[in-house]
């Protein structure tokens, strides 16, 4: 059985995420938008952020902390750090990185033709289907919610 070497996602060289043999590189805009979307999916923020807020969120995802907050979001992260940090696999940082990586991995699979994006008219949501498996939808693992310590403007 032949195996195919998967390609690495690349939109620039400002940020790098690696997992095993995969190396995904992002330009600044792509990465910051993905981090912001991940924070929304995790119920940590409820919408688009201002520039300083987004920079604090990106610093959290990249550095694992926000040392010198630039915004009220950065201060919020400091205030709720105990609830946000938790064990490594349950921290907000882990899940931000995980969702950014997962999104890029899925996008790369679409680029390579292994997945197609499909729209579910019943639920009004998008998903990923496998063309070589009669367009069977793939099931993504659920992510936790940080709504109880969400940043509210």
N, C-alpha and C. Protein backbone atom coordinates (compact mmCIF):
# COMPACT_ATOMS: atom_id res chain seq x y z
N UNK A 1 0.84 -1.17 0.00
CA UNK A 1 0.00 0.00 0.00
C UNK A 1 0.90 1.25 0.00
N UNK A 2 0.74 2.10 -0.97
CA UNK A 2 1.56 3.30 -1.09
C UNK A 2 1.06 4.36 -0.12
N UNK A 3 1.99 5.10 0.43
CA UNK A 3 1.62 6.20 1.30
C UNK A 3 2.02 7.51 0.63
N UNK A 4 1.25 8.54 0.90
CA UNK A 4 1.51 9.84 0.33
C UNK A 4 2.07 10.74 1.42
N UNK A 5 3.16 11.41 1.09
CA UNK A 5 3.72 12.38 2.04
C UNK A 5 2.87 13.64 1.98
N UNK A 6 2.37 14.04 3.09
CA UNK A 6 1.52 15.22 3.15
C UNK A 6 2.37 16.48 3.09
N UNK A 7 1.82 17.50 2.45
CA UNK A 7 2.50 18.78 2.36
C UNK A 7 2.30 19.60 3.62
N UNK A 8 3.11 20.60 3.76
CA UNK A 8 3.03 21.52 4.89
C UNK A 8 2.30 22.78 4.47
N UNK A 9 1.44 23.27 5.34
CA UNK A 9 0.72 24.51 5.08
C UNK A 9 1.71 25.66 5.14
N UNK A 10 1.55 26.62 4.22
CA UNK A 10 2.44 27.78 4.21
C UNK A 10 1.72 29.00 3.67
N UNK A 11 1.68 30.06 4.48
CA UNK A 11 1.13 31.34 4.01
C UNK A 11 2.14 32.46 4.20
N UNK A 12 3.27 32.15 4.78
CA UNK A 12 4.32 33.14 5.04
C UNK A 12 5.34 32.55 5.98
N UNK A 13 6.16 33.41 6.55
CA UNK A 13 7.22 32.90 7.43
C UNK A 13 7.32 33.63 8.76
N UNK A 14 6.26 34.33 9.15
CA UNK A 14 6.29 35.08 10.41
C UNK A 14 6.12 34.20 11.65
N UNK A 15 5.30 33.15 11.52
CA UNK A 15 5.03 32.25 12.65
C UNK A 15 5.15 30.81 12.18
N UNK A 16 5.61 29.93 13.09
CA UNK A 16 5.80 28.53 12.75
C UNK A 16 5.14 27.66 13.82
N UNK A 17 4.38 26.66 13.40
CA UNK A 17 3.85 25.63 14.30
C UNK A 17 4.32 24.29 13.76
N UNK A 18 4.89 23.48 14.65
CA UNK A 18 5.38 22.17 14.25
C UNK A 18 4.73 21.09 15.10
N UNK A 19 4.45 19.98 14.44
CA UNK A 19 3.93 18.81 15.14
C UNK A 19 4.44 17.61 14.38
N UNK A 20 5.25 16.80 15.02
CA UNK A 20 5.85 15.65 14.34
C UNK A 20 6.65 16.13 13.14
N UNK A 21 6.35 15.55 11.97
CA UNK A 21 7.05 15.94 10.75
C UNK A 21 6.39 17.12 10.05
N UNK A 22 5.26 17.57 10.54
CA UNK A 22 4.56 18.68 9.91
C UNK A 22 5.09 20.02 10.42
N UNK A 23 5.27 20.93 9.50
CA UNK A 23 5.76 22.28 9.82
C UNK A 23 4.88 23.27 9.06
N UNK A 24 4.07 24.00 9.79
CA UNK A 24 3.16 24.97 9.18
C UNK A 24 3.69 26.37 9.45
N UNK A 25 3.79 27.16 8.40
CA UNK A 25 4.28 28.53 8.53
C UNK A 25 3.18 29.50 8.10
N UNK A 26 3.09 30.61 8.80
CA UNK A 26 2.01 31.57 8.61
C UNK A 26 2.55 32.98 8.45
N UNK A 27 1.87 33.77 7.63
CA UNK A 27 2.16 35.20 7.64
C UNK A 27 1.44 35.80 8.84
N UNK A 28 1.78 37.02 9.18
CA UNK A 28 1.24 37.64 10.39
C UNK A 28 -0.29 37.75 10.36
N UNK A 29 -0.83 38.18 9.25
CA UNK A 29 -2.29 38.35 9.17
C UNK A 29 -3.02 37.02 9.28
N UNK A 30 -2.57 36.02 8.54
CA UNK A 30 -3.20 34.70 8.58
C UNK A 30 -3.17 34.14 10.00
N UNK A 31 -2.02 34.22 10.65
CA UNK A 31 -1.89 33.66 11.99
C UNK A 31 -2.78 34.40 12.98
N UNK A 32 -2.76 35.74 12.95
CA UNK A 32 -3.56 36.49 13.92
C UNK A 32 -5.06 36.26 13.70
N UNK A 33 -5.49 36.14 12.44
CA UNK A 33 -6.90 35.84 12.17
C UNK A 33 -7.27 34.45 12.66
N UNK A 34 -6.38 33.48 12.48
CA UNK A 34 -6.65 32.12 12.95
C UNK A 34 -6.71 32.06 14.47
N UNK A 35 -5.84 32.79 15.15
CA UNK A 35 -5.87 32.82 16.62
C UNK A 35 -7.17 33.45 17.10
N UNK A 36 -7.56 34.54 16.46
CA UNK A 36 -8.80 35.21 16.83
C UNK A 36 -10.00 34.28 16.61
N UNK A 37 -10.05 33.59 15.48
CA UNK A 37 -11.13 32.65 15.21
C UNK A 37 -11.14 31.51 16.22
N UNK A 38 -9.96 31.04 16.60
CA UNK A 38 -9.88 29.97 17.60
C UNK A 38 -10.44 30.45 18.93
N UNK A 39 -10.10 31.67 19.33
CA UNK A 39 -10.61 32.22 20.59
C UNK A 39 -12.13 32.35 20.56
N UNK A 40 -12.68 32.69 19.40
CA UNK A 40 -14.15 32.76 19.27
C UNK A 40 -14.75 31.36 19.38
N UNK A 41 -14.14 30.39 18.73
CA UNK A 41 -14.66 29.01 18.76
C UNK A 41 -14.61 28.46 20.19
N UNK A 42 -13.65 28.92 20.98
CA UNK A 42 -13.51 28.46 22.36
C UNK A 42 -14.36 29.29 23.33
N UNK A 43 -15.17 30.20 22.79
CA UNK A 43 -16.04 31.07 23.59
C UNK A 43 -15.27 32.00 24.52
N UNK A 44 -14.01 32.27 24.21
CA UNK A 44 -13.22 33.17 25.05
C UNK A 44 -13.45 34.62 24.65
N UNK A 45 -13.73 34.87 23.39
CA UNK A 45 -14.11 36.21 22.93
C UNK A 45 -15.39 36.06 22.12
N UNK A 46 -16.14 37.17 21.98
CA UNK A 46 -17.42 37.06 21.29
C UNK A 46 -17.45 37.74 19.94
N UNK A 47 -16.32 38.22 19.47
CA UNK A 47 -16.29 38.87 18.17
C UNK A 47 -14.91 39.40 17.85
N UNK A 48 -14.85 40.15 16.77
CA UNK A 48 -13.57 40.70 16.31
C UNK A 48 -12.95 41.59 17.38
N UNK A 49 -11.62 41.58 17.41
CA UNK A 49 -10.87 42.34 18.41
C UNK A 49 -10.24 43.58 17.78
N UNK A 50 -9.91 44.53 18.64
CA UNK A 50 -9.12 45.68 18.21
C UNK A 50 -7.67 45.25 18.04
N UNK A 51 -6.87 46.12 17.47
CA UNK A 51 -5.47 45.79 17.16
C UNK A 51 -4.67 45.39 18.40
N UNK A 52 -4.76 46.17 19.48
CA UNK A 52 -4.00 45.85 20.70
C UNK A 52 -4.51 44.57 21.36
N UNK A 53 -5.82 44.36 21.34
CA UNK A 53 -6.38 43.13 21.89
C UNK A 53 -5.88 41.92 21.10
N UNK A 54 -5.90 42.05 19.78
CA UNK A 54 -5.44 40.94 18.93
C UNK A 54 -3.96 40.66 19.18
N UNK A 55 -3.18 41.72 19.36
CA UNK A 55 -1.75 41.52 19.63
C UNK A 55 -1.54 40.79 20.95
N UNK A 56 -2.31 41.14 21.98
CA UNK A 56 -2.20 40.41 23.25
C UNK A 56 -2.59 38.94 23.08
N UNK A 57 -3.63 38.67 22.31
CA UNK A 57 -4.07 37.29 22.09
C UNK A 57 -3.01 36.50 21.32
N UNK A 58 -2.41 37.11 20.31
CA UNK A 58 -1.35 36.45 19.55
C UNK A 58 -0.15 36.20 20.46
N UNK A 59 0.21 37.17 21.29
CA UNK A 59 1.31 36.97 22.24
C UNK A 59 1.03 35.80 23.16
N UNK A 60 -0.21 35.66 23.59
CA UNK A 60 -0.59 34.52 24.43
C UNK A 60 -0.38 33.21 23.69
N UNK A 61 -0.85 33.15 22.45
CA UNK A 61 -0.71 31.92 21.67
C UNK A 61 0.75 31.59 21.37
N UNK A 62 1.55 32.60 21.08
CA UNK A 62 2.95 32.38 20.70
C UNK A 62 3.83 32.12 21.92
N UNK A 63 3.71 32.97 22.93
CA UNK A 63 4.63 32.92 24.07
C UNK A 63 4.09 32.15 25.27
N UNK A 64 2.82 31.81 25.24
CA UNK A 64 2.22 31.08 26.36
C UNK A 64 1.84 31.98 27.52
N UNK A 65 1.99 33.28 27.34
CA UNK A 65 1.62 34.24 28.38
C UNK A 65 1.61 35.64 27.77
N UNK A 66 1.06 36.58 28.52
CA UNK A 66 1.09 37.99 28.12
C UNK A 66 1.81 38.72 29.24
N UNK A 67 3.07 39.08 29.00
CA UNK A 67 3.89 39.72 30.03
C UNK A 67 3.51 41.17 30.26
N UNK A 68 3.46 41.94 29.18
CA UNK A 68 3.11 43.37 29.26
C UNK A 68 1.84 43.63 28.45
N UNK A 69 0.69 43.57 29.10
CA UNK A 69 -0.57 43.74 28.37
C UNK A 69 -0.65 45.10 27.66
N UNK A 70 -1.18 45.06 26.45
CA UNK A 70 -1.40 46.28 25.67
C UNK A 70 -2.86 46.71 25.72
N UNK A 71 -3.73 45.84 26.24
CA UNK A 71 -5.17 46.09 26.18
C UNK A 71 -5.87 45.54 27.42
N UNK A 72 -7.16 45.82 27.48
CA UNK A 72 -7.98 45.25 28.54
C UNK A 72 -8.04 43.73 28.43
N UNK A 73 -7.94 43.20 27.22
CA UNK A 73 -7.90 41.74 27.06
C UNK A 73 -6.66 41.17 27.74
N UNK A 74 -5.51 41.80 27.55
CA UNK A 74 -4.29 41.35 28.21
C UNK A 74 -4.41 41.39 29.72
N UNK A 75 -5.04 42.43 30.23
CA UNK A 75 -5.27 42.54 31.67
C UNK A 75 -6.24 41.45 32.15
N UNK A 76 -7.25 41.17 31.34
CA UNK A 76 -8.21 40.10 31.65
C UNK A 76 -7.49 38.76 31.74
N UNK A 77 -6.58 38.51 30.83
CA UNK A 77 -5.80 37.27 30.84
C UNK A 77 -5.00 37.17 32.13
N UNK A 78 -4.38 38.27 32.55
CA UNK A 78 -3.65 38.28 33.84
C UNK A 78 -4.59 37.98 35.00
N UNK A 79 -5.75 38.62 35.00
CA UNK A 79 -6.69 38.47 36.11
C UNK A 79 -7.19 37.02 36.24
N UNK A 80 -7.40 36.35 35.12
CA UNK A 80 -7.96 35.01 35.14
C UNK A 80 -6.92 33.94 34.78
N UNK A 81 -5.63 34.25 34.96
CA UNK A 81 -4.57 33.35 34.53
C UNK A 81 -4.70 31.96 35.13
N UNK A 82 -5.04 31.86 36.38
CA UNK A 82 -5.15 30.55 37.03
C UNK A 82 -6.16 29.66 36.31
N UNK A 83 -7.32 30.21 35.93
CA UNK A 83 -8.35 29.45 35.23
C UNK A 83 -7.96 29.17 33.78
N UNK A 84 -7.17 30.05 33.18
CA UNK A 84 -6.81 29.92 31.76
C UNK A 84 -5.62 29.00 31.54
N UNK A 85 -4.71 28.96 32.52
CA UNK A 85 -3.48 28.20 32.31
C UNK A 85 -3.69 26.70 32.51
N UNK A 86 -4.22 26.29 33.61
CA UNK A 86 -4.53 24.88 33.85
C UNK A 86 -3.44 23.92 33.42
N UNK A 87 -3.73 22.61 33.46
CA UNK A 87 -2.79 21.61 32.95
C UNK A 87 -2.56 21.83 31.45
N UNK A 88 -1.40 21.47 30.96
CA UNK A 88 -0.99 21.77 29.58
C UNK A 88 -2.04 21.42 28.53
N UNK A 89 -2.65 20.24 28.65
CA UNK A 89 -3.59 19.83 27.61
C UNK A 89 -4.98 20.44 27.80
N UNK A 90 -5.15 21.20 28.86
CA UNK A 90 -6.45 21.83 29.09
C UNK A 90 -6.34 23.35 29.21
N UNK A 91 -5.20 23.91 28.85
CA UNK A 91 -5.03 25.35 28.95
C UNK A 91 -5.58 26.05 27.71
N UNK A 92 -5.91 27.30 27.86
CA UNK A 92 -6.37 28.09 26.72
C UNK A 92 -5.28 28.17 25.66
N UNK A 93 -4.03 28.31 26.07
CA UNK A 93 -2.91 28.37 25.12
C UNK A 93 -2.87 27.10 24.28
N UNK A 94 -2.96 25.96 24.92
CA UNK A 94 -2.95 24.68 24.19
C UNK A 94 -4.05 24.64 23.15
N UNK A 95 -5.25 25.04 23.54
CA UNK A 95 -6.38 24.94 22.63
C UNK A 95 -6.31 25.98 21.53
N UNK A 96 -5.80 27.18 21.80
CA UNK A 96 -5.61 28.15 20.72
C UNK A 96 -4.66 27.58 19.67
N UNK A 97 -3.53 27.07 20.12
CA UNK A 97 -2.54 26.49 19.20
C UNK A 97 -3.12 25.29 18.46
N UNK A 98 -3.84 24.46 19.18
CA UNK A 98 -4.41 23.26 18.58
C UNK A 98 -5.40 23.61 17.47
N UNK A 99 -6.27 24.59 17.71
CA UNK A 99 -7.25 24.96 16.70
C UNK A 99 -6.61 25.67 15.51
N UNK A 100 -5.58 26.47 15.75
CA UNK A 100 -4.86 27.10 14.63
C UNK A 100 -4.22 26.01 13.77
N UNK A 101 -3.57 25.05 14.42
CA UNK A 101 -2.93 23.95 13.70
C UNK A 101 -3.97 23.11 12.95
N UNK A 102 -5.07 22.77 13.63
CA UNK A 102 -6.10 21.95 13.01
C UNK A 102 -6.68 22.64 11.79
N UNK A 103 -6.94 23.94 11.89
CA UNK A 103 -7.48 24.67 10.75
C UNK A 103 -6.53 24.67 9.56
N UNK A 104 -5.25 24.88 9.82
CA UNK A 104 -4.26 24.87 8.74
C UNK A 104 -4.12 23.46 8.15
N UNK A 105 -4.17 22.44 9.01
CA UNK A 105 -4.09 21.05 8.54
C UNK A 105 -5.26 20.74 7.62
N UNK A 106 -6.46 21.14 8.03
CA UNK A 106 -7.65 20.92 7.20
C UNK A 106 -7.55 21.68 5.88
N UNK A 107 -7.11 22.93 5.94
CA UNK A 107 -6.95 23.72 4.72
C UNK A 107 -5.97 23.06 3.76
N UNK A 108 -4.88 22.53 4.29
CA UNK A 108 -3.89 21.87 3.44
C UNK A 108 -4.48 20.60 2.81
N UNK A 109 -5.30 19.87 3.57
CA UNK A 109 -5.95 18.68 3.01
C UNK A 109 -6.91 19.05 1.88
N UNK A 110 -7.57 20.21 2.00
CA UNK A 110 -8.44 20.70 0.93
C UNK A 110 -7.59 21.04 -0.29
N UNK A 111 -6.50 21.75 -0.09
CA UNK A 111 -5.60 22.13 -1.19
C UNK A 111 -5.11 20.89 -1.93
N UNK A 112 -4.81 19.83 -1.18
CA UNK A 112 -4.27 18.61 -1.78
C UNK A 112 -5.35 17.68 -2.33
N UNK A 113 -6.62 18.06 -2.17
CA UNK A 113 -7.71 17.28 -2.74
C UNK A 113 -8.19 16.12 -1.89
N UNK A 114 -7.67 16.00 -0.67
CA UNK A 114 -8.10 14.91 0.22
C UNK A 114 -9.44 15.20 0.88
N UNK A 115 -9.78 16.48 1.00
CA UNK A 115 -11.04 16.89 1.60
C UNK A 115 -11.71 17.93 0.73
N UNK A 116 -13.03 18.00 0.82
CA UNK A 116 -13.81 19.06 0.20
C UNK A 116 -14.59 19.77 1.29
N UNK A 117 -14.81 21.05 1.11
CA UNK A 117 -15.65 21.80 2.03
C UNK A 117 -17.09 21.67 1.55
N UNK A 118 -17.98 21.32 2.48
CA UNK A 118 -19.39 21.14 2.13
C UNK A 118 -20.25 21.98 3.07
N UNK A 119 -21.41 22.38 2.56
CA UNK A 119 -22.36 23.17 3.34
C UNK A 119 -23.56 22.32 3.70
N UNK A 120 -23.88 22.27 4.97
CA UNK A 120 -25.05 21.54 5.45
C UNK A 120 -26.22 22.52 5.49
N UNK A 121 -27.14 22.37 4.54
CA UNK A 121 -28.26 23.32 4.44
C UNK A 121 -29.22 23.21 5.62
N UNK A 122 -29.25 22.05 6.26
CA UNK A 122 -30.13 21.86 7.41
C UNK A 122 -29.63 22.64 8.62
N UNK A 123 -28.32 22.50 8.92
CA UNK A 123 -27.73 23.16 10.09
C UNK A 123 -27.12 24.52 9.76
N UNK A 124 -27.02 24.84 8.48
CA UNK A 124 -26.37 26.08 8.02
C UNK A 124 -24.93 26.17 8.54
N UNK A 125 -24.21 25.07 8.42
CA UNK A 125 -22.81 25.02 8.84
C UNK A 125 -21.96 24.42 7.73
N UNK A 126 -20.67 24.65 7.83
CA UNK A 126 -19.73 24.06 6.89
C UNK A 126 -19.03 22.89 7.55
N UNK A 127 -18.62 21.94 6.74
CA UNK A 127 -17.89 20.79 7.23
C UNK A 127 -16.91 20.31 6.17
N UNK A 128 -16.24 19.22 6.47
CA UNK A 128 -15.25 18.65 5.57
C UNK A 128 -15.67 17.24 5.20
N UNK A 129 -15.66 16.97 3.89
CA UNK A 129 -16.05 15.65 3.40
C UNK A 129 -14.88 15.01 2.66
N UNK A 130 -14.87 13.69 2.69
CA UNK A 130 -13.81 12.92 2.03
C UNK A 130 -14.31 12.44 0.67
N UNK A 131 -13.81 13.03 -0.42
CA UNK A 131 -14.28 12.64 -1.75
C UNK A 131 -14.03 11.17 -2.07
N UNK A 132 -12.94 10.62 -1.58
CA UNK A 132 -12.63 9.21 -1.89
C UNK A 132 -13.42 8.24 -1.02
N UNK A 133 -14.27 8.72 -0.14
CA UNK A 133 -15.13 7.88 0.72
C UNK A 133 -16.58 8.29 0.57
N UNK A 134 -16.98 8.51 -0.66
CA UNK A 134 -18.37 8.86 -0.97
C UNK A 134 -18.83 10.11 -0.20
N UNK A 135 -17.93 11.05 -0.07
CA UNK A 135 -18.17 12.34 0.59
C UNK A 135 -18.65 12.20 2.04
N UNK A 136 -18.11 11.20 2.72
CA UNK A 136 -18.39 11.01 4.15
C UNK A 136 -17.79 12.20 4.90
N UNK A 137 -18.59 12.78 5.79
CA UNK A 137 -18.11 13.91 6.59
C UNK A 137 -17.13 13.43 7.64
N UNK A 138 -16.10 14.22 7.89
CA UNK A 138 -15.20 13.88 8.99
C UNK A 138 -15.72 14.56 10.25
N UNK A 139 -15.51 13.90 11.36
CA UNK A 139 -15.97 14.44 12.63
C UNK A 139 -14.77 15.01 13.37
N UNK A 140 -14.84 16.29 13.71
CA UNK A 140 -13.77 16.95 14.44
C UNK A 140 -14.00 16.77 15.94
N UNK A 141 -12.91 16.62 16.68
CA UNK A 141 -13.06 16.48 18.12
C UNK A 141 -13.60 17.78 18.71
N UNK A 142 -14.48 17.66 19.69
CA UNK A 142 -15.06 18.87 20.29
C UNK A 142 -14.01 19.62 21.10
N UNK A 143 -14.19 20.91 21.17
CA UNK A 143 -13.28 21.74 21.95
C UNK A 143 -14.00 22.25 23.19
N UNK A 144 -13.24 22.50 24.25
CA UNK A 144 -13.87 23.00 25.48
C UNK A 144 -14.30 24.46 25.32
N UNK A 145 -15.08 24.92 26.26
CA UNK A 145 -15.54 26.30 26.27
C UNK A 145 -14.91 27.06 27.43
N UNK A 146 -14.48 28.26 27.13
CA UNK A 146 -13.96 29.16 28.17
C UNK A 146 -14.96 30.28 28.45
N UNK A 147 -16.24 30.02 28.22
CA UNK A 147 -17.27 31.05 28.40
C UNK A 147 -17.31 31.60 29.83
N UNK A 148 -17.03 30.76 30.80
CA UNK A 148 -17.11 31.22 32.20
C UNK A 148 -16.04 32.24 32.55
N UNK A 149 -14.96 32.30 31.78
CA UNK A 149 -13.92 33.31 32.01
C UNK A 149 -13.68 34.12 30.74
N UNK A 150 -14.73 34.25 29.93
CA UNK A 150 -14.61 34.95 28.65
C UNK A 150 -14.32 36.43 28.87
N UNK A 151 -13.68 36.99 27.87
CA UNK A 151 -13.39 38.42 27.86
C UNK A 151 -14.61 39.14 27.30
N UNK A 152 -15.16 40.05 28.09
CA UNK A 152 -16.31 40.82 27.65
C UNK A 152 -15.91 42.29 27.60
N UNK A 153 -16.19 42.89 26.48
CA UNK A 153 -15.86 44.32 26.30
C UNK A 153 -16.95 45.20 26.82
